Amino acid sequence: MGASPRIIRAALLVAAAIALAAAAVQLREKYQTGEQAVEDIQAQLDALDPATRAAVIAKLSSDEVKKVRGRHR
């Protein structure tokens, strides 16, 4: 005798719920890692003198503009 469709459906729902919970945990961990990276970068920028900080931000901005322009070609 095979498993009833109700049991199969319930098992699939449980498996989907477990997969969703695991994905949520991974997403939260990645978000926290990203937040920590942003805080570290901000702390490093804050430690620079104003002229050096401005030069670094200008260079980073210039690099990002080049990347964006390169994608549109």
N, C-alpha and C. Protein backbone atom coordinates (compact mmCIF):
# COMPACT_ATOMS: atom_id res chain seq x y z
N MET A 1 0.83 -1.16 0.00
CA MET A 1 0.00 0.00 0.00
C MET A 1 0.90 1.24 0.00
N GLY A 2 0.64 2.19 -0.90
CA GLY A 2 1.45 3.40 -1.01
C GLY A 2 1.02 4.45 -0.01
N ALA A 3 1.86 5.43 0.13
CA ALA A 3 1.55 6.54 1.03
C ALA A 3 0.42 7.36 0.44
N SER A 4 -0.43 7.81 1.30
CA SER A 4 -1.58 8.58 0.83
C SER A 4 -1.11 9.95 0.33
N PRO A 5 -1.86 10.54 -0.58
CA PRO A 5 -1.48 11.86 -1.10
C PRO A 5 -1.38 12.92 0.00
N ARG A 6 -2.17 12.79 1.05
CA ARG A 6 -2.09 13.74 2.17
C ARG A 6 -0.74 13.68 2.86
N ILE A 7 -0.25 12.47 3.08
CA ILE A 7 1.04 12.30 3.76
C ILE A 7 2.16 12.85 2.87
N ILE A 8 2.08 12.57 1.59
CA ILE A 8 3.09 13.06 0.66
C ILE A 8 3.07 14.59 0.64
N ARG A 9 1.87 15.17 0.56
CA ARG A 9 1.73 16.63 0.54
C ARG A 9 2.29 17.23 1.82
N ALA A 10 1.99 16.63 2.96
CA ALA A 10 2.48 17.14 4.24
C ALA A 10 4.01 17.05 4.29
N ALA A 11 4.56 15.96 3.81
CA ALA A 11 6.02 15.81 3.81
C ALA A 11 6.67 16.85 2.92
N LEU A 12 6.06 17.12 1.78
CA LEU A 12 6.60 18.15 0.88
C LEU A 12 6.52 19.53 1.50
N LEU A 13 5.43 19.81 2.19
CA LEU A 13 5.29 21.10 2.86
C LEU A 13 6.33 21.26 3.98
N VAL A 14 6.56 20.20 4.72
CA VAL A 14 7.57 20.25 5.79
C VAL A 14 8.95 20.48 5.18
N ALA A 15 9.26 19.76 4.09
CA ALA A 15 10.55 19.94 3.44
C ALA A 15 10.72 21.36 2.91
N ALA A 16 9.65 21.92 2.34
CA ALA A 16 9.71 23.28 1.83
C ALA A 16 9.91 24.27 2.97
N ALA A 17 9.25 24.05 4.10
CA ALA A 17 9.41 24.94 5.25
C ALA A 17 10.84 24.89 5.79
N ILE A 18 11.41 23.71 5.83
CA ILE A 18 12.80 23.56 6.29
C ILE A 18 13.75 24.27 5.34
N ALA A 19 13.54 24.11 4.04
CA ALA A 19 14.39 24.77 3.05
C ALA A 19 14.26 26.29 3.16
N LEU A 20 13.05 26.78 3.37
CA LEU A 20 12.83 28.21 3.51
C LEU A 20 13.52 28.75 4.76
N ALA A 21 13.43 28.02 5.85
CA ALA A 21 14.09 28.44 7.09
C ALA A 21 15.61 28.48 6.91
N ALA A 22 16.16 27.48 6.23
CA ALA A 22 17.61 27.45 5.99
C ALA A 22 18.03 28.62 5.12
N ALA A 23 17.23 28.93 4.11
CA ALA A 23 17.55 30.06 3.24
C ALA A 23 17.49 31.37 4.01
N ALA A 24 16.54 31.50 4.91
CA ALA A 24 16.42 32.72 5.72
C ALA A 24 17.64 32.89 6.62
N VAL A 25 18.11 31.80 7.19
CA VAL A 25 19.30 31.87 8.05
C VAL A 25 20.52 32.29 7.23
N GLN A 26 20.69 31.72 6.06
CA GLN A 26 21.82 32.09 5.20
C GLN A 26 21.74 33.55 4.78
N LEU A 27 20.55 34.00 4.45
CA LEU A 27 20.38 35.40 4.05
C LEU A 27 20.71 36.34 5.20
N ARG A 28 20.27 36.00 6.38
CA ARG A 28 20.58 36.82 7.56
C ARG A 28 22.08 36.88 7.80
N GLU A 29 22.76 35.75 7.67
CA GLU A 29 24.21 35.72 7.87
C GLU A 29 24.93 36.58 6.83
N LYS A 30 24.49 36.49 5.58
CA LYS A 30 25.12 37.30 4.53
C LYS A 30 24.86 38.78 4.76
N TYR A 31 23.67 39.12 5.21
CA TYR A 31 23.35 40.51 5.50
C TYR A 31 24.24 41.03 6.62
N GLN A 32 24.41 40.23 7.67
CA GLN A 32 25.25 40.65 8.79
C GLN A 32 26.71 40.79 8.36
N THR A 33 27.17 39.91 7.49
CA THR A 33 28.54 40.00 6.98
C THR A 33 28.71 41.29 6.17
N GLY A 34 27.71 41.60 5.36
CA GLY A 34 27.75 42.84 4.58
C GLY A 34 27.74 44.07 5.47
N GLU A 35 26.90 44.05 6.48
CA GLU A 35 26.84 45.17 7.41
C GLU A 35 28.18 45.37 8.11
N GLN A 36 28.82 44.28 8.50
CA GLN A 36 30.12 44.37 9.16
C GLN A 36 31.17 44.94 8.21
N ALA A 37 31.14 44.52 6.95
CA ALA A 37 32.08 45.04 5.97
C ALA A 37 31.89 46.55 5.79
N VAL A 38 30.65 46.99 5.73
CA VAL A 38 30.36 48.42 5.58
C VAL A 38 30.90 49.18 6.79
N GLU A 39 30.67 48.66 7.98
CA GLU A 39 31.16 49.32 9.19
C GLU A 39 32.69 49.40 9.20
N ASP A 40 33.34 48.31 8.78
CA ASP A 40 34.81 48.30 8.74
C ASP A 40 35.34 49.33 7.74
N ILE A 41 34.73 49.39 6.57
CA ILE A 41 35.16 50.35 5.56
C ILE A 41 34.93 51.78 6.07
N GLN A 42 33.78 52.02 6.67
CA GLN A 42 33.49 53.35 7.20
C GLN A 42 34.50 53.73 8.27
N ALA A 43 34.85 52.81 9.13
CA ALA A 43 35.84 53.09 10.17
C ALA A 43 37.20 53.42 9.56
N GLN A 44 37.57 52.69 8.52
CA GLN A 44 38.85 52.96 7.86
C GLN A 44 38.84 54.34 7.19
N LEU A 45 37.72 54.69 6.56
CA LEU A 45 37.61 56.01 5.94
C LEU A 45 37.63 57.11 6.98
N ASP A 46 36.96 56.88 8.10
CA ASP A 46 36.93 57.89 9.17
C ASP A 46 38.31 58.13 9.77
N ALA A 47 39.16 57.11 9.72
CA ALA A 47 40.50 57.23 10.30
C ALA A 47 41.44 58.05 9.41
N LEU A 48 41.06 58.27 8.16
CA LEU A 48 41.91 59.04 7.25
C LEU A 48 41.75 60.54 7.48
N ASP A 49 42.80 61.29 7.13
CA ASP A 49 42.66 62.74 7.20
C ASP A 49 41.73 63.19 6.07
N PRO A 50 41.11 64.35 6.18
CA PRO A 50 40.09 64.78 5.21
C PRO A 50 40.55 64.77 3.75
N ALA A 51 41.77 65.22 3.48
CA ALA A 51 42.25 65.28 2.10
C ALA A 51 42.42 63.87 1.52
N THR A 52 42.98 62.97 2.31
CA THR A 52 43.17 61.60 1.85
C THR A 52 41.82 60.91 1.67
N ARG A 53 40.91 61.15 2.60
CA ARG A 53 39.57 60.57 2.50
C ARG A 53 38.87 61.03 1.21
N ALA A 54 38.97 62.31 0.91
CA ALA A 54 38.36 62.84 -0.31
C ALA A 54 38.98 62.20 -1.55
N ALA A 55 40.30 62.01 -1.54
CA ALA A 55 40.98 61.39 -2.68
C ALA A 55 40.54 59.93 -2.85
N VAL A 56 40.42 59.22 -1.75
CA VAL A 56 40.00 57.82 -1.82
C VAL A 56 38.57 57.71 -2.35
N ILE A 57 37.69 58.53 -1.85
CA ILE A 57 36.29 58.50 -2.29
C ILE A 57 36.20 58.89 -3.76
N ALA A 58 36.97 59.89 -4.19
CA ALA A 58 36.97 60.28 -5.60
C ALA A 58 37.45 59.14 -6.48
N LYS A 59 38.49 58.44 -6.05
CA LYS A 59 39.03 57.31 -6.83
C LYS A 59 38.01 56.18 -6.91
N LEU A 60 37.39 55.85 -5.78
CA LEU A 60 36.38 54.79 -5.78
C LEU A 60 35.20 55.16 -6.68
N SER A 61 34.78 56.41 -6.61
CA SER A 61 33.67 56.87 -7.44
C SER A 61 34.04 56.79 -8.92
N SER A 62 35.23 57.22 -9.25
CA SER A 62 35.69 57.18 -10.63
C SER A 62 35.74 55.74 -11.15
N ASP A 63 36.24 54.83 -10.32
CA ASP A 63 36.30 53.42 -10.72
C ASP A 63 34.91 52.86 -10.98
N GLU A 64 33.94 53.20 -10.14
CA GLU A 64 32.58 52.70 -10.31
C GLU A 64 31.93 53.28 -11.56
N VAL A 65 32.19 54.54 -11.85
CA VAL A 65 31.64 55.14 -13.08
C VAL A 65 32.20 54.42 -14.29
N LYS A 66 33.49 54.10 -14.27
CA LYS A 66 34.10 53.37 -15.39
C LYS A 66 33.46 51.99 -15.55
N LYS A 67 33.19 51.32 -14.44
CA LYS A 67 32.54 50.00 -14.51
C LYS A 67 31.16 50.10 -15.14
N VAL A 68 30.39 51.09 -14.71
CA VAL A 68 29.03 51.25 -15.22
C VAL A 68 29.06 51.59 -16.71
N ARG A 69 29.94 52.49 -17.09
CA ARG A 69 30.05 52.85 -18.52
C ARG A 69 30.50 51.66 -19.35
N GLY A 70 31.38 50.84 -18.78
CA GLY A 70 31.86 49.66 -19.50
C GLY A 70 30.77 48.62 -19.74
N ARG A 71 29.80 48.55 -18.86
CA ARG A 71 28.70 47.59 -19.00
C ARG A 71 27.73 48.00 -20.09
N HIS A 72 27.65 49.29 -20.36
CA HIS A 72 26.66 49.79 -21.31
C HIS A 72 27.19 49.80 -22.74
N ARG A 73 28.37 49.33 -22.95
CA ARG A 73 28.93 49.31 -24.30
C ARG A 73 28.77 47.98 -24.93
